[in-house]
């Protein structure tokens, strides 16, 4: 079992990911969705924390030299910090906006201009928050090599957004692997899998088409 499948199975087991095609969740954006992902829950499970950290570290070996790990606030901070500790690299994190007091930082931590930087996120949906952080780091003259995440919804929008920003990204697991594993362990039926696949191909209008 590869990392994509293994991690998808673990995320389902600990209910970091929940699937509910018949009774969709409401995201903070207001969008209705048959899936809810909260990777913060992985922090409560040392075995899964270690799996994620090790998988990230193995991926870093393929990238070549990395000087700095940057977490995206808030959910990318803990896993980014653990990875930096494992690799014995400096760690910083990027706020969604600059502080309104003190030094008014948006990047917290020390770094060298030009440092080869790996950005750590917990989740990729459209890529908006990740790419906003990437831009902040680039504006600070850091060399962003890639964004890595725990899970990816695999939206075409995200692929296009990262491509337009000339920023590679990599996720340990993703939506297609999740559905395959959920079907294998009978978490969902064939019919439910089809519903979940239709959401992934057209998330914005999926609810109105199926629940109006």
Protein backbone atom coordinates (compact mmCIF):
# COMPACT_ATOMS: atom_id res chain seq x y z
CA UNK A 1 0.00 0.00 0.00
CA UNK A 2 1.56 3.32 -1.08
CA UNK A 3 1.57 6.54 0.94
CA UNK A 4 -1.46 7.99 -0.88
CA UNK A 5 -3.61 4.98 -0.04
CA UNK A 6 -2.15 4.42 3.43
CA UNK A 7 -2.70 8.01 4.49
CA UNK A 8 -6.20 8.13 3.01
CA UNK A 9 -7.09 5.06 5.08
CA UNK A 10 -5.65 6.61 8.25
CA UNK A 11 -7.47 9.92 7.72
CA UNK A 12 -10.77 8.04 7.38
CA UNK A 13 -10.05 5.88 10.44
CA UNK A 14 -9.44 8.83 12.75
CA UNK A 15 -12.29 10.84 11.16
CA UNK A 16 -9.95 13.61 10.02
CA UNK A 17 -11.89 13.15 6.80
CA UNK A 18 -15.63 12.54 6.80
CA UNK A 19 -17.74 11.72 3.74
CA UNK A 20 -21.45 12.50 3.74
CA UNK A 21 -22.90 12.58 0.19
CA UNK A 22 -26.51 12.45 1.42
CA UNK A 23 -26.16 15.23 4.00
CA UNK A 24 -23.49 17.68 2.78
CA UNK A 25 -21.34 19.83 5.02
CA UNK A 26 -21.19 23.62 4.78
CA UNK A 27 -17.66 25.00 4.40
CA UNK A 28 -16.59 28.35 5.84
CA UNK A 29 -16.86 29.77 2.31
CA UNK A 30 -20.55 28.80 2.26
CA UNK A 31 -20.03 26.07 -0.33
CA UNK A 32 -21.89 22.80 0.31
CA UNK A 33 -19.70 19.74 0.13
CA UNK A 34 -19.98 15.96 0.71
CA UNK A 35 -16.52 15.90 2.28
CA UNK A 36 -15.02 17.61 5.31
CA UNK A 37 -11.29 17.46 6.03
CA UNK A 38 -9.69 18.56 9.30
CA UNK A 39 -6.05 17.50 9.32
CA UNK A 40 -5.48 19.10 12.72
CA UNK A 41 -6.87 15.87 14.15
CA UNK A 42 -3.74 14.06 12.94
CA UNK A 43 -1.77 15.92 15.62
CA UNK A 44 -3.48 13.80 18.29
CA UNK A 45 -2.13 10.56 16.80
CA UNK A 46 1.67 10.16 17.15
CA UNK A 47 1.82 7.27 14.65
CA UNK A 48 0.07 9.32 11.97
CA UNK A 49 2.08 12.46 12.79
CA UNK A 50 5.22 10.39 12.25
CA UNK A 51 3.87 8.93 9.00
CA UNK A 52 3.22 12.42 7.63
CA UNK A 53 6.56 13.80 8.80
CA UNK A 54 8.50 10.86 7.34
CA UNK A 55 6.65 11.01 4.02
CA UNK A 56 7.36 14.74 3.73
CA UNK A 57 11.03 14.11 4.55
CA UNK A 58 11.28 11.39 1.88
CA UNK A 59 9.81 13.77 -0.66
CA UNK A 60 12.29 16.49 0.29
CA UNK A 61 15.13 14.10 -0.66
CA UNK A 62 13.83 14.16 -4.24
CA UNK A 63 13.84 17.97 -4.33
CA UNK A 64 17.50 18.38 -3.58
CA UNK A 65 18.86 21.05 -1.26
CA UNK A 66 16.31 22.90 0.90
CA UNK A 67 17.47 25.66 3.27
CA UNK A 68 14.23 26.59 5.03
CA UNK A 69 10.78 25.23 5.91
CA UNK A 70 7.84 27.66 5.95
CA UNK A 71 4.47 26.75 7.47
CA UNK A 72 1.24 28.41 6.35
CA UNK A 73 -0.76 29.67 9.33
CA UNK A 74 -2.37 28.10 11.04
CA UNK A 75 -2.78 24.46 10.09
CA UNK A 76 0.54 24.19 8.24
CA UNK A 77 2.55 25.36 11.26
CA UNK A 78 2.75 22.18 13.40
CA UNK A 79 3.59 19.77 10.60
CA UNK A 80 6.02 22.27 9.11
CA UNK A 81 7.75 22.70 12.47
CA UNK A 82 8.00 18.93 12.97
CA UNK A 83 9.46 18.49 9.50
CA UNK A 84 12.00 21.28 10.07
CA UNK A 85 13.03 19.66 13.35
CA UNK A 86 13.37 16.27 11.66
CA UNK A 87 15.53 17.75 8.88
CA UNK A 88 17.42 20.08 11.26
CA UNK A 89 16.44 23.11 9.19
CA UNK A 90 15.29 26.61 10.20
CA UNK A 91 11.53 27.17 10.40
CA UNK A 92 9.35 30.20 9.76
CA UNK A 93 5.65 30.67 9.27
CA UNK A 94 3.47 33.00 7.22
CA UNK A 95 0.44 34.77 8.64
CA UNK A 96 -2.66 35.37 6.50
CA UNK A 97 -2.08 39.07 7.12
CA UNK A 98 0.47 41.20 8.91
CA UNK A 99 0.08 41.81 12.62
CA UNK A 100 -1.49 45.13 13.50
CA UNK A 101 0.80 45.63 16.49
CA UNK A 102 4.44 45.27 17.48
CA UNK A 103 6.72 44.75 14.48
CA UNK A 104 3.72 44.13 12.20
CA UNK A 105 5.29 40.97 10.82
CA UNK A 106 3.61 38.74 8.30
CA UNK A 107 6.53 36.32 8.25
CA UNK A 108 7.51 35.08 11.69
CA UNK A 109 11.05 33.83 12.23
CA UNK A 110 14.51 34.49 10.82
CA UNK A 111 15.63 33.68 7.31
CA UNK A 112 18.34 34.46 4.79
CA UNK A 113 17.48 36.22 1.55
CA UNK A 114 17.46 33.75 -1.33
CA UNK A 115 16.98 30.69 0.89
CA UNK A 116 15.55 27.67 -0.93
CA UNK A 117 12.19 27.33 0.80
CA UNK A 118 9.67 24.50 1.10
CA UNK A 119 6.15 25.64 2.01
CA UNK A 120 4.04 23.28 4.16
CA UNK A 121 0.23 23.31 4.08
CA UNK A 122 -2.27 20.89 5.56
CA UNK A 123 -4.81 20.98 2.73
CA UNK A 124 -5.10 22.16 -0.89
CA UNK A 125 -8.51 23.19 -2.18
CA UNK A 126 -8.23 26.02 -4.72
CA UNK A 127 -4.67 26.81 -3.66
CA UNK A 128 -5.56 30.40 -2.79
CA UNK A 129 -4.18 30.55 0.75
CA UNK A 130 -1.05 28.60 -0.20
CA UNK A 131 -0.28 30.84 -3.14
CA UNK A 132 -0.91 33.97 -1.09
CA UNK A 133 1.77 32.71 1.33
CA UNK A 134 4.07 31.90 -1.58
CA UNK A 135 3.73 35.48 -2.83
CA UNK A 136 4.56 36.89 0.60
CA UNK A 137 7.71 34.74 0.70
CA UNK A 138 8.69 35.69 -2.83
CA UNK A 139 8.21 39.36 -1.99
CA UNK A 140 10.68 38.79 0.84
CA UNK A 141 13.21 37.50 -1.74
CA UNK A 142 12.91 33.86 -0.70
CA UNK A 143 13.26 31.14 -3.35
CA UNK A 144 10.11 29.02 -3.02
CA UNK A 145 10.87 25.57 -4.44
CA UNK A 146 7.50 23.91 -3.86
CA UNK A 147 4.35 23.71 -1.74
CA UNK A 148 3.64 20.39 -0.03
CA UNK A 149 0.42 19.37 1.70
CA UNK A 150 -1.12 16.44 3.52
CA UNK A 151 -4.24 16.22 1.35
CA UNK A 152 -5.42 17.63 -1.97
CA UNK A 153 -9.02 17.83 -3.22
CA UNK A 154 -7.54 17.63 -6.74
CA UNK A 155 -9.62 20.46 -8.18
CA UNK A 156 -8.74 21.62 -11.68
CA UNK A 157 -8.90 25.16 -10.26
CA UNK A 158 -5.95 24.42 -7.98
CA UNK A 159 -3.91 22.90 -10.82
CA UNK A 160 -4.51 25.98 -12.93
CA UNK A 161 -3.78 28.40 -10.07
CA UNK A 162 -0.45 26.78 -9.21
CA UNK A 163 0.49 26.60 -12.88
CA UNK A 164 -0.33 30.29 -13.38
CA UNK A 165 1.89 31.18 -10.42
CA UNK A 166 4.70 28.93 -11.71
CA UNK A 167 4.74 27.09 -8.41
CA UNK A 168 5.06 23.29 -8.18
CA UNK A 169 3.04 21.49 -5.51
CA UNK A 170 2.85 17.98 -4.12
CA UNK A 171 0.37 16.28 -1.78
CA UNK A 172 0.88 13.10 0.20
CA UNK A 173 -2.67 11.96 -0.53
CA UNK A 174 -5.62 13.14 -2.56
CA UNK A 175 -9.29 12.84 -3.41
CA UNK A 176 -9.04 10.03 -5.98
CA UNK A 177 -7.00 7.83 -3.63
CA UNK A 178 -9.45 8.59 -0.83
CA UNK A 179 -12.46 7.47 -2.86
CA UNK A 180 -10.73 4.28 -3.96
CA UNK A 181 -9.86 3.40 -0.37
CA UNK A 182 -13.30 4.39 0.95
CA UNK A 183 -14.93 2.09 -1.60
CA UNK A 184 -12.48 -0.74 -0.84
CA UNK A 185 -13.27 -0.72 2.88
CA UNK A 186 -17.03 -0.32 2.19
CA UNK A 187 -17.15 3.16 3.74
CA UNK A 188 -19.12 4.23 0.66
CA UNK A 189 -21.20 2.41 -1.97
CA UNK A 190 -20.69 2.53 -5.75
CA UNK A 191 -23.59 4.99 -5.97
CA UNK A 192 -22.09 7.24 -3.29
CA UNK A 193 -18.71 7.11 -5.03
CA UNK A 194 -20.34 8.37 -8.23
CA UNK A 195 -21.95 11.24 -6.29
CA UNK A 196 -18.61 12.13 -4.72
CA UNK A 197 -16.87 12.05 -8.10
CA UNK A 198 -19.50 14.39 -9.56
CA UNK A 199 -18.84 16.89 -6.76
CA UNK A 200 -15.12 16.87 -7.47
CA UNK A 201 -15.66 17.61 -11.16
CA UNK A 202 -18.07 20.51 -10.52
CA UNK A 203 -17.97 21.58 -6.84
CA UNK A 204 -19.61 24.99 -7.25
CA UNK A 205 -22.85 23.82 -8.85
CA UNK A 206 -22.94 20.28 -7.44
CA UNK A 207 -25.31 21.11 -4.56
CA UNK A 208 -27.83 23.01 -6.65
CA UNK A 209 -27.89 20.23 -9.25
CA UNK A 210 -28.44 17.47 -6.69
CA UNK A 211 -30.40 19.05 -3.83
CA UNK A 212 -32.63 21.73 -5.38
